[in-house]
N, C-alpha and C. Protein backbone atom coordinates (compact mmCIF):
# COMPACT_ATOMS: atom_id res chain seq x y z
N UNK A 1 10.64 -17.56 -20.07
CA UNK A 1 11.22 -18.73 -19.43
C UNK A 1 10.48 -19.96 -19.94
N UNK A 2 11.24 -20.95 -20.33
CA UNK A 2 10.64 -22.19 -20.82
C UNK A 2 10.07 -22.98 -19.64
N UNK A 3 8.83 -23.40 -19.77
CA UNK A 3 8.14 -24.14 -18.71
C UNK A 3 7.45 -25.36 -19.29
N UNK A 4 7.27 -26.37 -18.46
CA UNK A 4 6.50 -27.55 -18.82
C UNK A 4 5.07 -27.37 -18.33
N UNK A 5 4.13 -27.86 -19.12
CA UNK A 5 2.72 -27.74 -18.79
C UNK A 5 2.16 -29.14 -18.58
N UNK A 6 1.37 -29.28 -17.52
CA UNK A 6 0.83 -30.59 -17.13
C UNK A 6 -0.69 -30.51 -16.96
N UNK A 7 -1.33 -31.66 -17.14
CA UNK A 7 -2.67 -31.94 -16.61
C UNK A 7 -2.44 -33.08 -15.64
N UNK A 8 -2.71 -32.81 -14.38
CA UNK A 8 -2.31 -33.74 -13.30
C UNK A 8 -0.82 -33.97 -13.41
N UNK A 9 -0.39 -35.21 -13.66
CA UNK A 9 1.04 -35.52 -13.77
C UNK A 9 1.46 -35.81 -15.21
N UNK A 10 0.56 -35.55 -16.16
CA UNK A 10 0.81 -35.83 -17.57
C UNK A 10 1.36 -34.58 -18.25
N UNK A 11 2.57 -34.66 -18.81
CA UNK A 11 3.15 -33.54 -19.54
C UNK A 11 2.41 -33.38 -20.86
N UNK A 12 1.75 -32.24 -21.02
CA UNK A 12 0.99 -32.02 -22.25
C UNK A 12 1.67 -31.05 -23.21
N UNK A 13 2.72 -30.37 -22.74
CA UNK A 13 3.41 -29.44 -23.63
C UNK A 13 4.40 -28.57 -22.91
N UNK A 14 4.94 -27.63 -23.66
CA UNK A 14 5.86 -26.66 -23.08
C UNK A 14 5.52 -25.29 -23.66
N UNK A 15 5.95 -24.26 -22.94
CA UNK A 15 5.70 -22.89 -23.39
C UNK A 15 6.81 -21.99 -22.90
N UNK A 16 7.15 -21.02 -23.72
CA UNK A 16 8.09 -19.99 -23.31
C UNK A 16 7.24 -18.85 -22.74
N UNK A 17 7.12 -18.81 -21.42
CA UNK A 17 6.22 -17.85 -20.76
C UNK A 17 6.95 -16.57 -20.43
N UNK A 18 6.22 -15.46 -20.59
CA UNK A 18 6.77 -14.15 -20.27
C UNK A 18 5.70 -13.31 -19.59
N UNK A 19 6.13 -12.25 -18.95
CA UNK A 19 5.21 -11.36 -18.24
C UNK A 19 4.33 -10.66 -19.27
N UNK A 20 3.01 -10.76 -19.06
CA UNK A 20 2.07 -10.05 -19.94
C UNK A 20 1.38 -8.91 -19.21
N UNK A 21 1.34 -8.97 -17.87
CA UNK A 21 0.80 -7.88 -17.06
C UNK A 21 1.39 -8.01 -15.66
N UNK A 22 2.42 -7.21 -15.38
CA UNK A 22 3.11 -7.33 -14.10
C UNK A 22 2.21 -6.98 -12.93
N UNK A 23 1.37 -5.97 -13.07
CA UNK A 23 0.52 -5.56 -11.95
C UNK A 23 -0.48 -6.64 -11.56
N UNK A 24 -0.85 -7.49 -12.51
CA UNK A 24 -1.77 -8.59 -12.21
C UNK A 24 -1.02 -9.90 -11.95
N UNK A 25 0.30 -9.87 -12.00
CA UNK A 25 1.08 -11.09 -11.81
C UNK A 25 0.79 -12.11 -12.89
N UNK A 26 0.63 -11.63 -14.12
CA UNK A 26 0.21 -12.50 -15.22
C UNK A 26 1.36 -12.82 -16.17
N UNK A 27 1.45 -14.09 -16.53
CA UNK A 27 2.39 -14.55 -17.54
C UNK A 27 1.62 -15.34 -18.59
N UNK A 28 2.18 -15.41 -19.78
CA UNK A 28 1.52 -16.16 -20.83
C UNK A 28 2.45 -16.45 -21.98
N UNK A 29 1.99 -17.31 -22.87
CA UNK A 29 2.78 -17.64 -24.05
C UNK A 29 2.12 -18.74 -24.86
N UNK A 30 2.76 -19.07 -25.96
CA UNK A 30 2.26 -20.09 -26.88
C UNK A 30 2.61 -21.48 -26.35
N UNK A 31 1.60 -22.33 -26.27
CA UNK A 31 1.78 -23.71 -25.84
C UNK A 31 2.17 -24.56 -27.05
N UNK A 32 3.29 -25.24 -26.92
CA UNK A 32 3.72 -26.21 -27.94
C UNK A 32 3.33 -27.58 -27.40
N UNK A 33 2.30 -28.19 -27.98
CA UNK A 33 1.77 -29.43 -27.41
C UNK A 33 2.68 -30.64 -27.64
N UNK A 34 2.68 -31.52 -26.66
CA UNK A 34 3.30 -32.84 -26.79
C UNK A 34 2.21 -33.80 -27.26
N UNK A 35 2.58 -35.00 -27.75
CA UNK A 35 1.57 -35.95 -28.21
C UNK A 35 0.47 -36.24 -27.17
N UNK A 36 0.78 -36.21 -25.89
CA UNK A 36 -0.22 -36.49 -24.85
C UNK A 36 -1.36 -35.48 -24.85
N UNK A 37 -1.11 -34.28 -25.38
CA UNK A 37 -2.16 -33.25 -25.41
C UNK A 37 -3.34 -33.68 -26.28
N UNK A 38 -3.08 -34.49 -27.29
CA UNK A 38 -4.14 -34.91 -28.20
C UNK A 38 -5.28 -35.62 -27.47
N UNK A 39 -4.98 -36.29 -26.35
CA UNK A 39 -6.03 -36.98 -25.58
C UNK A 39 -7.02 -35.99 -24.98
N UNK A 40 -6.57 -34.76 -24.75
CA UNK A 40 -7.39 -33.76 -24.08
C UNK A 40 -7.88 -32.65 -25.00
N UNK A 41 -7.29 -32.55 -26.19
CA UNK A 41 -7.53 -31.39 -27.04
C UNK A 41 -9.00 -31.17 -27.36
N UNK A 42 -9.74 -32.20 -27.70
CA UNK A 42 -11.15 -31.99 -28.05
C UNK A 42 -11.94 -31.47 -26.85
N UNK A 43 -11.61 -31.89 -25.64
CA UNK A 43 -12.29 -31.39 -24.44
C UNK A 43 -11.92 -29.94 -24.19
N UNK A 44 -10.63 -29.61 -24.32
CA UNK A 44 -10.17 -28.23 -24.14
C UNK A 44 -10.86 -27.32 -25.15
N UNK A 45 -10.91 -27.75 -26.40
CA UNK A 45 -11.55 -26.94 -27.44
C UNK A 45 -13.04 -26.76 -27.17
N UNK A 46 -13.72 -27.81 -26.70
CA UNK A 46 -15.14 -27.69 -26.35
C UNK A 46 -15.34 -26.68 -25.23
N UNK A 47 -14.47 -26.72 -24.21
CA UNK A 47 -14.56 -25.78 -23.10
C UNK A 47 -14.31 -24.35 -23.58
N UNK A 48 -13.34 -24.18 -24.48
CA UNK A 48 -13.05 -22.85 -25.03
C UNK A 48 -14.22 -22.33 -25.85
N UNK A 49 -14.84 -23.20 -26.60
CA UNK A 49 -15.99 -22.80 -27.40
C UNK A 49 -17.15 -22.38 -26.50
N UNK A 50 -17.32 -23.08 -25.40
CA UNK A 50 -18.42 -22.80 -24.48
C UNK A 50 -18.21 -21.53 -23.67
N UNK A 51 -16.99 -21.33 -23.16
CA UNK A 51 -16.77 -20.20 -22.25
C UNK A 51 -15.54 -19.36 -22.53
N UNK A 52 -14.85 -19.61 -23.65
CA UNK A 52 -13.73 -18.78 -24.04
C UNK A 52 -12.37 -19.25 -23.58
N UNK A 53 -12.31 -20.11 -22.57
CA UNK A 53 -11.05 -20.60 -22.04
C UNK A 53 -11.29 -21.91 -21.29
N UNK A 54 -10.32 -22.79 -21.32
CA UNK A 54 -10.34 -23.98 -20.47
C UNK A 54 -9.47 -23.64 -19.27
N UNK A 55 -10.01 -23.72 -18.08
CA UNK A 55 -9.23 -23.28 -16.93
C UNK A 55 -9.05 -24.37 -15.89
N UNK A 56 -8.47 -23.98 -14.80
CA UNK A 56 -8.07 -24.92 -13.75
C UNK A 56 -9.28 -25.61 -13.10
N UNK A 57 -10.47 -25.08 -13.30
CA UNK A 57 -11.65 -25.78 -12.79
C UNK A 57 -12.07 -26.91 -13.73
N UNK A 58 -11.57 -26.89 -14.97
CA UNK A 58 -11.86 -27.94 -15.93
C UNK A 58 -10.85 -29.09 -15.84
N UNK A 59 -9.59 -28.72 -15.71
CA UNK A 59 -8.50 -29.67 -15.57
C UNK A 59 -7.54 -29.15 -14.51
N UNK A 60 -6.82 -30.04 -13.89
CA UNK A 60 -5.82 -29.64 -12.90
C UNK A 60 -4.53 -29.28 -13.63
N UNK A 61 -4.53 -28.10 -14.26
CA UNK A 61 -3.36 -27.64 -14.98
C UNK A 61 -2.25 -27.30 -13.99
N UNK A 62 -1.01 -27.58 -14.40
CA UNK A 62 0.16 -27.23 -13.60
C UNK A 62 1.22 -26.67 -14.52
N UNK A 63 2.03 -25.75 -13.97
CA UNK A 63 3.16 -25.19 -14.70
C UNK A 63 4.40 -25.41 -13.85
N UNK A 64 5.45 -25.92 -14.49
CA UNK A 64 6.71 -26.14 -13.80
C UNK A 64 7.82 -25.45 -14.59
N UNK A 65 8.66 -24.70 -13.90
CA UNK A 65 9.77 -24.01 -14.57
C UNK A 65 10.89 -24.99 -14.87
N UNK A 66 11.86 -24.54 -15.62
CA UNK A 66 13.00 -25.38 -15.98
C UNK A 66 13.77 -25.91 -14.79
N UNK A 67 13.75 -25.17 -13.68
CA UNK A 67 14.45 -25.64 -12.48
C UNK A 67 13.50 -26.38 -11.54
N UNK A 68 12.43 -26.92 -12.12
CA UNK A 68 11.47 -27.78 -11.41
C UNK A 68 10.70 -27.07 -10.30
N UNK A 69 10.53 -25.74 -10.43
CA UNK A 69 9.74 -24.97 -9.49
C UNK A 69 8.30 -24.96 -9.99
N UNK A 70 7.38 -25.50 -9.21
CA UNK A 70 5.97 -25.49 -9.60
C UNK A 70 5.37 -24.14 -9.25
N UNK A 71 4.56 -23.60 -10.17
CA UNK A 71 3.91 -22.32 -9.94
C UNK A 71 2.49 -22.56 -9.45
N UNK A 72 2.08 -21.75 -8.50
CA UNK A 72 0.72 -21.85 -7.95
C UNK A 72 0.05 -20.49 -8.03
N UNK A 73 -0.36 -20.08 -9.22
CA UNK A 73 -0.98 -18.77 -9.36
C UNK A 73 -2.37 -18.75 -8.71
N UNK A 74 -2.60 -17.76 -7.88
CA UNK A 74 -3.88 -17.64 -7.18
C UNK A 74 -5.03 -17.46 -8.18
N UNK A 75 -4.75 -16.78 -9.28
CA UNK A 75 -5.78 -16.52 -10.29
C UNK A 75 -6.02 -17.68 -11.23
N UNK A 76 -5.25 -18.75 -11.10
CA UNK A 76 -5.47 -19.93 -11.92
C UNK A 76 -4.68 -19.95 -13.21
N UNK A 77 -4.89 -21.01 -13.96
CA UNK A 77 -4.21 -21.25 -15.23
C UNK A 77 -5.28 -21.51 -16.28
N UNK A 78 -5.11 -20.90 -17.44
CA UNK A 78 -6.07 -21.10 -18.52
C UNK A 78 -5.39 -21.41 -19.84
N UNK A 79 -6.04 -22.23 -20.63
CA UNK A 79 -5.55 -22.55 -21.98
C UNK A 79 -6.65 -22.20 -22.97
N UNK A 80 -6.24 -21.48 -24.03
CA UNK A 80 -7.16 -21.13 -25.11
C UNK A 80 -6.73 -21.88 -26.36
N UNK A 81 -7.58 -22.78 -26.80
CA UNK A 81 -7.33 -23.60 -27.99
C UNK A 81 -8.64 -23.66 -28.77
N UNK A 82 -8.77 -22.77 -29.73
CA UNK A 82 -10.01 -22.69 -30.50
C UNK A 82 -9.91 -23.55 -31.76
N UNK A 83 -10.99 -24.24 -32.07
CA UNK A 83 -11.04 -25.06 -33.28
C UNK A 83 -10.77 -24.18 -34.50
N UNK A 84 -9.93 -24.70 -35.41
CA UNK A 84 -9.63 -23.97 -36.64
C UNK A 84 -8.50 -22.97 -36.52
N UNK A 85 -7.96 -22.77 -35.32
CA UNK A 85 -6.83 -21.86 -35.11
C UNK A 85 -5.66 -22.70 -34.61
N UNK A 86 -4.53 -22.58 -35.27
CA UNK A 86 -3.38 -23.43 -34.95
C UNK A 86 -2.67 -23.04 -33.66
N UNK A 87 -2.83 -21.82 -33.21
CA UNK A 87 -2.10 -21.34 -32.03
C UNK A 87 -2.86 -21.70 -30.74
N UNK A 88 -2.13 -22.25 -29.78
CA UNK A 88 -2.68 -22.58 -28.46
C UNK A 88 -2.00 -21.67 -27.45
N UNK A 89 -2.78 -20.96 -26.65
CA UNK A 89 -2.23 -19.98 -25.72
C UNK A 89 -2.48 -20.41 -24.28
N UNK A 90 -1.46 -20.25 -23.44
CA UNK A 90 -1.60 -20.53 -22.02
C UNK A 90 -1.27 -19.28 -21.25
N UNK A 91 -2.00 -19.05 -20.17
CA UNK A 91 -1.75 -17.90 -19.32
C UNK A 91 -2.13 -18.22 -17.88
N UNK A 92 -1.54 -17.49 -16.98
CA UNK A 92 -1.93 -17.60 -15.58
C UNK A 92 -1.82 -16.23 -14.95
N UNK A 93 -2.51 -16.03 -13.84
CA UNK A 93 -2.56 -14.72 -13.20
C UNK A 93 -2.41 -14.84 -11.69
N UNK A 94 -1.98 -13.72 -11.14
CA UNK A 94 -1.82 -13.54 -9.70
C UNK A 94 -0.70 -14.42 -9.12
N UNK A 95 0.43 -14.44 -9.85
CA UNK A 95 1.64 -15.01 -9.27
C UNK A 95 2.18 -14.00 -8.27
N UNK A 96 2.87 -14.46 -7.24
CA UNK A 96 3.42 -13.48 -6.31
C UNK A 96 4.58 -12.73 -6.98
N UNK A 97 4.89 -11.55 -6.47
CA UNK A 97 5.87 -10.67 -7.10
C UNK A 97 7.25 -11.29 -7.22
N UNK A 98 7.66 -12.09 -6.25
CA UNK A 98 8.98 -12.73 -6.33
C UNK A 98 9.06 -13.67 -7.52
N UNK A 99 8.00 -14.42 -7.77
CA UNK A 99 8.00 -15.36 -8.90
C UNK A 99 7.87 -14.62 -10.23
N UNK A 100 7.06 -13.56 -10.26
CA UNK A 100 6.87 -12.84 -11.53
C UNK A 100 8.18 -12.22 -11.99
N UNK A 101 9.04 -11.82 -11.06
CA UNK A 101 10.32 -11.21 -11.42
C UNK A 101 11.24 -12.20 -12.13
N UNK A 102 11.09 -13.49 -11.88
CA UNK A 102 11.94 -14.48 -12.55
C UNK A 102 11.60 -14.62 -14.04
N UNK A 103 10.46 -14.07 -14.46
CA UNK A 103 10.03 -14.17 -15.85
C UNK A 103 10.40 -12.92 -16.66
N UNK A 104 11.03 -11.94 -16.02
CA UNK A 104 11.43 -10.71 -16.73
C UNK A 104 12.71 -10.90 -17.49
């Protein structure tokens, strides 16, 4: 499912998210960054280099579905953007079962 990705209220990209682990309520996919992501990219990459992922404790990441449904995963949202690698990955965990089924 195509979703918009935010930091606070700033749209930083979009991703086609799919179930990666149903038992953990986890979805993930490749983040296609918008120009606004460039303002945050060096910080995200520094956080990834330090601890492997930039997560919701670093930025107030938000995911919104195409029908404007905001997701609130209990396990948080993380972005992996490593320097020198072109692919940016976003994932979240512990979505409730009703929401995870919409991504199948």
